[in-house]
Each structure stands twice: as structure tokens, then as C-alpha cells.
């Protein structure tokens, strides 16, 4: 997985996860539920798929979302493999 930074309308800089289809499938069907912190770009584990605004263990911001939720929100990008 890679990340790309972007600016919100309010000017805040956040991180966007970018995954291949294989990475998403492995994360989606793994034993632990995975999430992602938009604030610092770190992975989060033990997060429900529809999680919103959980507290990040790394940066202490309430910006952890489940991967499926990020996909539905249009933030998680699935990159094509060349």
C-alpha cells in the first residue's frame, strides 16, 4: 500500500491510501479487520469495516476509518497493476 497526501477544502493535509486489488483482497479477507488513519497515514488493526472517527494509536487523532468505509467514501483508491 502506498499513500498520497491531499488537502481538504478547509486546508487540512490528510493521507489517502492507494492499494492494488490484491492488497485490498488480502486486507479485506484477513483474520483482523484493518483500518487506516487519514491523519498520519498509519495502518490500524482491529477496526470494524464500517469504522468512522476511531482514535489513532500513533497520532491520537480521531481519523481512523475502516477500509470498506474509505472505499465507500471515495477516499481509498484501488490502483490498476500494469
PDB file of N, CA and C in Angstrom:
ATOM      1  N   UNK A   1       0.849  -1.176   0.000  1.00  0.00           N
ATOM      2  CA  UNK A   1       0.000   0.000   0.000  1.00  0.00           C
ATOM      3  C   UNK A   1       0.893   1.236   0.000  1.00  0.00           C
ATOM      4  N   UNK A   2       0.465   2.210  -0.746  1.00  0.00           N
ATOM      5  CA  UNK A   2       1.143   3.500  -0.752  1.00  0.00           C
ATOM      6  C   UNK A   2       0.153   4.562  -0.281  1.00  0.00           C
ATOM      7  N   UNK A   3       0.651   5.729   0.009  1.00  0.00           N
ATOM      8  CA  UNK A   3      -0.222   6.825   0.411  1.00  0.00           C
ATOM      9  C   UNK A   3       0.102   8.060  -0.416  1.00  0.00           C
ATOM     10  N   UNK A   4      -0.880   8.908  -0.517  1.00  0.00           N
ATOM     11  CA  UNK A   4      -0.710  10.179  -1.209  1.00  0.00           C
ATOM     12  C   UNK A   4      -1.370  11.242  -0.346  1.00  0.00           C
ATOM     13  N   UNK A   5      -0.713  12.366  -0.169  1.00  0.00           N
ATOM     14  CA  UNK A   5      -1.306  13.432   0.632  1.00  0.00           C
ATOM     15  C   UNK A   5      -2.219  14.284  -0.242  1.00  0.00           C
ATOM     16  N   UNK A   6      -3.233  14.823   0.397  1.00  0.00           N
ATOM     17  CA  UNK A   6      -4.152  15.727  -0.297  1.00  0.00           C
ATOM     18  C   UNK A   6      -4.652  16.768   0.688  1.00  0.00           C
ATOM     19  N   UNK A   7      -5.148  17.859   0.170  1.00  0.00           N
ATOM     20  CA  UNK A   7      -5.687  18.943   1.000  1.00  0.00           C
ATOM     21  C   UNK A   7      -7.201  18.930   0.948  1.00  0.00           C
ATOM     22  N   UNK A   8      -7.801  19.107   2.104  1.00  0.00           N
ATOM     23  CA  UNK A   8      -9.251  19.218   2.173  1.00  0.00           C
ATOM     24  C   UNK A   8      -9.661  20.645   1.826  1.00  0.00           C
ATOM     25  N   UNK A   9     -10.951  20.869   1.691  1.00  0.00           N
ATOM     26  CA  UNK A   9     -11.439  22.219   1.387  1.00  0.00           C
ATOM     27  C   UNK A   9     -11.077  23.210   2.485  1.00  0.00           C
ATOM     28  N   UNK A  10     -10.958  22.709   3.710  1.00  0.00           N
ATOM     29  CA  UNK A  10     -10.606  23.591   4.824  1.00  0.00           C
ATOM     30  C   UNK A  10      -9.099  23.840   4.923  1.00  0.00           C
ATOM     31  N   UNK A  11      -8.306  23.183   4.062  1.00  0.00           N
ATOM     32  CA  UNK A  11      -6.869  23.398   4.050  1.00  0.00           C
ATOM     33  C   UNK A  11      -6.065  22.387   4.836  1.00  0.00           C
ATOM     34  N   UNK A  12      -6.710  21.418   5.437  1.00  0.00           N
ATOM     35  CA  UNK A  12      -6.018  20.395   6.223  1.00  0.00           C
ATOM     36  C   UNK A  12      -5.381  19.367   5.288  1.00  0.00           C
ATOM     37  N   UNK A  13      -4.171  18.949   5.609  1.00  0.00           N
ATOM     38  CA  UNK A  13      -3.486  17.927   4.827  1.00  0.00           C
ATOM     39  C   UNK A  13      -3.778  16.556   5.431  1.00  0.00           C
ATOM     40  N   UNK A  14      -4.285  15.643   4.597  1.00  0.00           N
ATOM     41  CA  UNK A  14      -4.590  14.277   5.016  1.00  0.00           C
ATOM     42  C   UNK A  14      -3.907  13.292   4.075  1.00  0.00           C
ATOM     43  N   UNK A  15      -3.941  12.026   4.457  1.00  0.00           N
ATOM     44  CA  UNK A  15      -3.323  10.960   3.668  1.00  0.00           C
ATOM     45  C   UNK A  15      -4.408  10.094   3.036  1.00  0.00           C
ATOM     46  N   UNK A  16      -4.188   9.720   1.770  1.00  0.00           N
ATOM     47  CA  UNK A  16      -5.114   8.855   1.046  1.00  0.00           C
ATOM     48  C   UNK A  16      -4.408   7.518   0.794  1.00  0.00           C
ATOM     49  N   UNK A  17      -5.016   6.393   1.197  1.00  0.00           N
ATOM     50  CA  UNK A  17      -4.406   5.095   0.907  1.00  0.00           C
ATOM     51  C   UNK A  17      -4.653   4.694  -0.552  1.00  0.00           C
ATOM     52  N   UNK A  18      -3.647   4.087  -1.161  1.00  0.00           N
ATOM     53  CA  UNK A  18      -3.751   3.561  -2.512  1.00  0.00           C
ATOM     54  C   UNK A  18      -3.282   2.110  -2.464  1.00  0.00           C
ATOM     55  N   UNK A  19      -4.153   1.191  -2.871  1.00  0.00           N
ATOM     56  CA  UNK A  19      -3.857  -0.238  -2.800  1.00  0.00           C
ATOM     57  C   UNK A  19      -4.099  -0.890  -4.158  1.00  0.00           C
ATOM     58  N   UNK A  20      -3.425  -2.005  -4.393  1.00  0.00           N
ATOM     59  CA  UNK A  20      -3.739  -2.812  -5.558  1.00  0.00           C
ATOM     60  C   UNK A  20      -4.938  -3.690  -5.205  1.00  0.00           C
ATOM     61  N   UNK A  21      -5.536  -4.305  -6.191  1.00  0.00           N
ATOM     62  CA  UNK A  21      -6.666  -5.203  -5.931  1.00  0.00           C
ATOM     63  C   UNK A  21      -6.250  -6.347  -5.029  1.00  0.00           C
ATOM     64  N   UNK A  22      -5.054  -6.891  -5.245  1.00  0.00           N
ATOM     65  CA  UNK A  22      -4.574  -7.996  -4.421  1.00  0.00           C
ATOM     66  C   UNK A  22      -4.357  -7.577  -2.970  1.00  0.00           C
ATOM     67  N   UNK A  23      -3.794  -6.390  -2.770  1.00  0.00           N
ATOM     68  CA  UNK A  23      -3.598  -5.886  -1.402  1.00  0.00           C
ATOM     69  C   UNK A  23      -4.937  -5.678  -0.702  1.00  0.00           C
ATOM     70  N   UNK A  24      -5.905  -5.131  -1.428  1.00  0.00           N
ATOM     71  CA  UNK A  24      -7.223  -4.907  -0.831  1.00  0.00           C
ATOM     72  C   UNK A  24      -7.891  -6.234  -0.483  1.00  0.00           C
ATOM     73  N   UNK A  25      -7.801  -7.204  -1.375  1.00  0.00           N
ATOM     74  CA  UNK A  25      -8.401  -8.518  -1.116  1.00  0.00           C
ATOM     75  C   UNK A  25      -7.754  -9.180   0.093  1.00  0.00           C
ATOM     76  N   UNK A  26      -6.436  -9.083   0.208  1.00  0.00           N
ATOM     77  CA  UNK A  26      -5.741  -9.679   1.350  1.00  0.00           C
ATOM     78  C   UNK A  26      -6.132  -8.984   2.652  1.00  0.00           C
ATOM     79  N   UNK A  27      -6.255  -7.670   2.617  1.00  0.00           N
ATOM     80  CA  UNK A  27      -6.641  -6.919   3.823  1.00  0.00           C
ATOM     81  C   UNK A  27      -8.105  -7.167   4.167  1.00  0.00           C
ATOM     82  N   UNK A  28      -8.950  -7.259   3.146  1.00  0.00           N
ATOM     83  CA  UNK A  28     -10.382  -7.420   3.348  1.00  0.00           C
ATOM     84  C   UNK A  28     -10.729  -8.800   3.896  1.00  0.00           C
ATOM     85  N   UNK A  29      -9.997  -9.814   3.491  1.00  0.00           N
ATOM     86  CA  UNK A  29     -10.316 -11.180   3.903  1.00  0.00           C
ATOM     87  C   UNK A  29      -9.353 -11.731   4.944  1.00  0.00           C
ATOM     88  N   UNK A  30      -8.556 -10.868   5.543  1.00  0.00           N
ATOM     89  CA  UNK A  30      -7.621 -11.303   6.574  1.00  0.00           C
ATOM     90  C   UNK A  30      -8.336 -11.632   7.869  1.00  0.00           C
ATOM     91  N   UNK A  31      -7.592 -12.131   8.830  1.00  0.00           N
ATOM     92  CA  UNK A  31      -8.166 -12.506  10.115  1.00  0.00           C
ATOM     93  C   UNK A  31      -8.509 -11.293  10.969  1.00  0.00           C
ATOM     94  N   UNK A  32      -7.765 -10.216  10.795  1.00  0.00           N
ATOM     95  CA  UNK A  32      -8.031  -8.996  11.555  1.00  0.00           C
ATOM     96  C   UNK A  32      -8.654  -7.951  10.644  1.00  0.00           C
ATOM     97  N   UNK A  33      -9.553  -7.180  11.200  1.00  0.00           N
ATOM     98  CA  UNK A  33     -10.119  -6.070  10.435  1.00  0.00           C
ATOM     99  C   UNK A  33      -9.096  -4.950  10.378  1.00  0.00           C
ATOM    100  N   UNK A  34      -8.950  -4.359   9.209  1.00  0.00           N
ATOM    101  CA  UNK A  34      -7.941  -3.323   9.007  1.00  0.00           C
ATOM    102  C   UNK A  34      -8.585  -1.969   8.804  1.00  0.00           C
ATOM    103  N   UNK A  35      -7.856  -0.954   9.201  1.00  0.00           N
ATOM    104  CA  UNK A  35      -8.280   0.416   9.003  1.00  0.00           C
ATOM    105  C   UNK A  35      -7.082   1.262   8.651  1.00  0.00           C
ATOM    106  N   UNK A  36      -7.328   2.549   8.486  1.00  0.00           N
ATOM    107  CA  UNK A  36      -6.283   3.465   8.058  1.00  0.00           C
ATOM    108  C   UNK A  36      -6.526   4.817   8.706  1.00  0.00           C
ATOM    109  N   UNK A  37      -5.454   5.448   9.166  1.00  0.00           N
ATOM    110  CA  UNK A  37      -5.553   6.786   9.753  1.00  0.00           C
ATOM    111  C   UNK A  37      -5.295   7.819   8.665  1.00  0.00           C
ATOM    112  N   UNK A  38      -6.252   8.674   8.437  1.00  0.00           N
ATOM    113  CA  UNK A  38      -6.107   9.729   7.442  1.00  0.00           C
ATOM    114  C   UNK A  38      -5.156  10.818   7.916  1.00  0.00           C
ATOM    115  N   UNK A  39      -4.974  10.937   9.215  1.00  0.00           N
ATOM    116  CA  UNK A  39      -4.131  11.990   9.766  1.00  0.00           C
ATOM    117  C   UNK A  39      -2.648  11.736   9.610  1.00  0.00           C
ATOM    118  N   UNK A  40      -2.188  10.540   9.991  1.00  0.00           N
ATOM    119  CA  UNK A  40      -0.757  10.251   9.945  1.00  0.00           C
ATOM    120  C   UNK A  40      -0.391   9.206   8.903  1.00  0.00           C
ATOM    121  N   UNK A  41      -1.386   8.534   8.321  1.00  0.00           N
ATOM    122  CA  UNK A  41      -1.116   7.550   7.280  1.00  0.00           C
ATOM    123  C   UNK A  41      -0.730   6.181   7.784  1.00  0.00           C
ATOM    124  N   UNK A  42      -0.947   5.904   9.050  1.00  0.00           N
ATOM    125  CA  UNK A  42      -0.577   4.593   9.586  1.00  0.00           C
ATOM    126  C   UNK A  42      -1.737   3.606   9.483  1.00  0.00           C
ATOM    127  N   UNK A  43      -1.382   2.325   9.450  1.00  0.00           N
ATOM    128  CA  UNK A  43      -2.382   1.273   9.443  1.00  0.00           C
ATOM    129  C   UNK A  43      -2.952   1.112  10.840  1.00  0.00           C
ATOM    130  N   UNK A  44      -4.207   0.695  10.908  1.00  0.00           N
ATOM    131  CA  UNK A  44      -4.854   0.420  12.188  1.00  0.00           C
ATOM    132  C   UNK A  44      -5.417  -0.992  12.128  1.00  0.00           C
ATOM    133  N   UNK A  45      -5.313  -1.722  13.209  1.00  0.00           N
ATOM    134  CA  UNK A  45      -5.765  -3.111  13.246  1.00  0.00           C
ATOM    135  C   UNK A  45      -6.869  -3.273  14.276  1.00  0.00           C
ATOM    136  N   UNK A  46      -7.724  -4.259  14.054  1.00  0.00           N
ATOM    137  CA  UNK A  46      -8.841  -4.490  14.961  1.00  0.00           C
ATOM    138  C   UNK A  46      -9.931  -3.452  14.808  1.00  0.00           C
ATOM    139  N   UNK A  47     -10.095  -2.933  13.585  1.00  0.00           N
ATOM    140  CA  UNK A  47     -11.059  -1.881  13.291  1.00  0.00           C
ATOM    141  C   UNK A  47     -12.177  -2.475  12.442  1.00  0.00           C
ATOM    142  N   UNK A  48     -13.416  -2.216  12.830  1.00  0.00           N
ATOM    143  CA  UNK A  48     -14.542  -2.724  12.052  1.00  0.00           C
ATOM    144  C   UNK A  48     -14.523  -2.139  10.650  1.00  0.00           C
ATOM    145  N   UNK A  49     -15.071  -2.854   9.668  1.00  0.00           N
ATOM    146  CA  UNK A  49     -15.075  -2.365   8.288  1.00  0.00           C
ATOM    147  C   UNK A  49     -15.785  -1.023   8.112  1.00  0.00           C
ATOM    148  N   UNK A  50     -16.806  -0.756   8.928  1.00  0.00           N
ATOM    149  CA  UNK A  50     -17.562   0.493   8.799  1.00  0.00           C
ATOM    150  C   UNK A  50     -17.160   1.537   9.841  1.00  0.00           C
ATOM    151  N   UNK A  51     -15.957   1.383  10.401  1.00  0.00           N
ATOM    152  CA  UNK A  51     -15.489   2.294  11.452  1.00  0.00           C
ATOM    153  C   UNK A  51     -15.327   3.714  10.911  1.00  0.00           C
ATOM    154  N   UNK A  52     -15.690   4.675  11.749  1.00  0.00           N
ATOM    155  CA  UNK A  52     -15.537   6.102  11.430  1.00  0.00           C
ATOM    156  C   UNK A  52     -15.036   6.828  12.668  1.00  0.00           C
ATOM    157  N   UNK A  53     -14.021   7.625  12.472  1.00  0.00           N
ATOM    158  CA  UNK A  53     -13.501   8.510  13.514  1.00  0.00           C
ATOM    159  C   UNK A  53     -13.035   7.795  14.778  1.00  0.00           C
ATOM    160  N   UNK A  54     -12.385   6.648  14.619  1.00  0.00           N
ATOM    161  CA  UNK A  54     -11.760   5.998  15.764  1.00  0.00           C
ATOM    162  C   UNK A  54     -10.470   6.745  16.084  1.00  0.00           C
ATOM    163  N   UNK A  55     -10.012   6.659  17.315  1.00  0.00           N
ATOM    164  CA  UNK A  55      -8.777   7.320  17.731  1.00  0.00           C
ATOM    165  C   UNK A  55      -7.572   6.509  17.270  1.00  0.00           C
ATOM    166  N   UNK A  56      -6.625   7.186  16.640  1.00  0.00           N
ATOM    167  CA  UNK A  56      -5.406   6.544  16.147  1.00  0.00           C
ATOM    168  C   UNK A  56      -4.442   6.320  17.306  1.00  0.00           C
ATOM    169  N   UNK A  57      -3.826   5.131  17.337  1.00  0.00           N
ATOM    170  CA  UNK A  57      -2.853   4.830  18.378  1.00  0.00           C
ATOM    171  C   UNK A  57      -1.529   5.552  18.147  1.00  0.00           C
ATOM    172  N   UNK A  58      -1.262   5.963  16.910  1.00  0.00           N
ATOM    173  CA  UNK A  58       0.007   6.631  16.590  1.00  0.00           C
ATOM    174  C   UNK A  58      -0.042   8.136  16.813  1.00  0.00           C
ATOM    175  N   UNK A  59      -1.082   8.797  16.293  1.00  0.00           N
ATOM    176  CA  UNK A  59      -1.120  10.267  16.360  1.00  0.00           C
ATOM    177  C   UNK A  59      -2.192  10.805  17.301  1.00  0.00           C
ATOM    178  N   UNK A  60      -3.015   9.940  17.862  1.00  0.00           N
ATOM    179  CA  UNK A  60      -4.054  10.297  18.830  1.00  0.00           C
ATOM    180  C   UNK A  60      -5.165  11.170  18.234  1.00  0.00           C
ATOM    181  N   UNK A  61      -5.287  11.202  16.908  1.00  0.00           N
ATOM    182  CA  UNK A  61      -6.368  11.933  16.238  1.00  0.00           C
ATOM    183  C   UNK A  61      -7.524  10.975  15.980  1.00  0.00           C
ATOM    184  N   UNK A  62      -8.724  11.501  15.909  1.00  0.00           N
ATOM    185  CA  UNK A  62      -9.902  10.679  15.614  1.00  0.00           C
ATOM    186  C   UNK A  62     -10.116  10.618  14.107  1.00  0.00           C
ATOM    187  N   UNK A  63      -9.150   9.998  13.405  1.00  0.00           N
ATOM    188  CA  UNK A  63      -9.180   9.947  11.952  1.00  0.00           C
ATOM    189  C   UNK A  63      -8.971   8.541  11.401  1.00  0.00           C
ATOM    190  N   UNK A  64      -9.284   7.507  12.197  1.00  0.00           N
ATOM    191  CA  UNK A  64      -9.161   6.127  11.733  1.00  0.00           C
ATOM    192  C   UNK A  64     -10.500   5.674  11.177  1.00  0.00           C
ATOM    193  N   UNK A  65     -10.447   5.128   9.962  1.00  0.00           N
ATOM    194  CA  UNK A  65     -11.632   4.618   9.280  1.00  0.00           C
ATOM    195  C   UNK A  65     -11.361   3.193   8.820  1.00  0.00           C
ATOM    196  N   UNK A  66     -12.403   2.375   8.743  1.00  0.00           N
ATOM    197  CA  UNK A  66     -12.286   1.037   8.190  1.00  0.00           C
ATOM    198  C   UNK A  66     -12.042   1.120   6.693  1.00  0.00           C
ATOM    199  N   UNK A  67     -11.357   0.114   6.133  1.00  0.00           N
ATOM    200  CA  UNK A  67     -11.030   0.154   4.712  1.00  0.00           C
ATOM    201  C   UNK A  67     -12.273   0.173   3.827  1.00  0.00           C
ATOM    202  N   UNK A  68     -13.297  -0.600   4.188  1.00  0.00           N
ATOM    203  CA  UNK A  68     -14.517  -0.613   3.382  1.00  0.00           C
ATOM    204  C   UNK A  68     -15.216   0.743   3.437  1.00  0.00           C
ATOM    205  N   UNK A  69     -15.180   1.379   4.586  1.00  0.00           N
ATOM    206  CA  UNK A  69     -15.781   2.709   4.727  1.00  0.00           C
ATOM    207  C   UNK A  69     -15.045   3.722   3.857  1.00  0.00           C
ATOM    208  N   UNK A  70     -13.719   3.647   3.843  1.00  0.00           N
ATOM    209  CA  UNK A  70     -12.934   4.548   3.000  1.00  0.00           C
ATOM    210  C   UNK A  70     -13.225   4.322   1.519  1.00  0.00           C
ATOM    211  N   UNK A  71     -13.445   3.074   1.147  1.00  0.00           N
ATOM    212  CA  UNK A  71     -13.778   2.766  -0.240  1.00  0.00           C
ATOM    213  C   UNK A  71     -15.134   3.366  -0.611  1.00  0.00           C
ATOM    214  N   UNK A  72     -16.112   3.226   0.273  1.00  0.00           N
ATOM    215  CA  UNK A  72     -17.433   3.795   0.020  1.00  0.00           C
ATOM    216  C   UNK A  72     -17.399   5.326  -0.011  1.00  0.00           C
ATOM    217  N   UNK A  73     -16.544   5.927   0.794  1.00  0.00           N
ATOM    218  CA  UNK A  73     -16.415   7.381   0.838  1.00  0.00           C
ATOM    219  C   UNK A  73     -15.659   7.935  -0.370  1.00  0.00           C
ATOM    220  N   UNK A  74     -15.016   7.070  -1.145  1.00  0.00           N
ATOM    221  CA  UNK A  74     -14.252   7.516  -2.297  1.00  0.00           C
ATOM    222  C   UNK A  74     -12.852   7.981  -1.965  1.00  0.00           C
ATOM    223  N   UNK A  75     -12.372   7.673  -0.776  1.00  0.00           N
ATOM    224  CA  UNK A  75     -11.035   8.094  -0.369  1.00  0.00           C
ATOM    225  C   UNK A  75     -10.003   7.019  -0.709  1.00  0.00           C
ATOM    226  N   UNK A  76     -10.312   5.767  -0.449  1.00  0.00           N
ATOM    227  CA  UNK A  76      -9.409   4.663  -0.779  1.00  0.00           C
ATOM    228  C   UNK A  76      -9.411   4.467  -2.290  1.00  0.00           C
ATOM    229  N   UNK A  77      -8.233   4.439  -2.884  1.00  0.00           N
ATOM    230  CA  UNK A  77      -8.097   4.235  -4.323  1.00  0.00           C
ATOM    231  C   UNK A  77      -7.553   2.827  -4.570  1.00  0.00           C
ATOM    232  N   UNK A  78      -8.155   2.149  -5.534  1.00  0.00           N
ATOM    233  CA  UNK A  78      -7.655   0.852  -5.977  1.00  0.00           C
ATOM    234  C   UNK A  78      -6.887   1.102  -7.270  1.00  0.00           C
ATOM    235  N   UNK A  79      -5.582   0.854  -7.241  1.00  0.00           N
ATOM    236  CA  UNK A  79      -4.714   1.121  -8.382  1.00  0.00           C
ATOM    237  C   UNK A  79      -4.660  -0.090  -9.296  1.00  0.00           C
ATOM    238  N   UNK A  80      -4.664   0.157 -10.577  1.00  0.00           N
ATOM    239  CA  UNK A  80      -4.520  -0.913 -11.559  1.00  0.00           C
ATOM    240  C   UNK A  80      -3.048  -1.340 -11.612  1.00  0.00           C
ATOM    241  N   UNK A  81      -2.838  -2.628 -11.732  1.00  0.00           N
ATOM    242  CA  UNK A  81      -1.479  -3.151 -11.830  1.00  0.00           C
ATOM    243  C   UNK A  81      -1.121  -3.283 -13.300  1.00  0.00           C
ATOM    244  N   UNK A  82      -0.012  -2.704 -13.675  1.00  0.00           N
ATOM    245  CA  UNK A  82       0.390  -2.730 -15.091  1.00  0.00           C
ATOM    246  C   UNK A  82       1.128  -3.990 -15.438  1.00  0.00           C
TER     247      UNK A  82
END
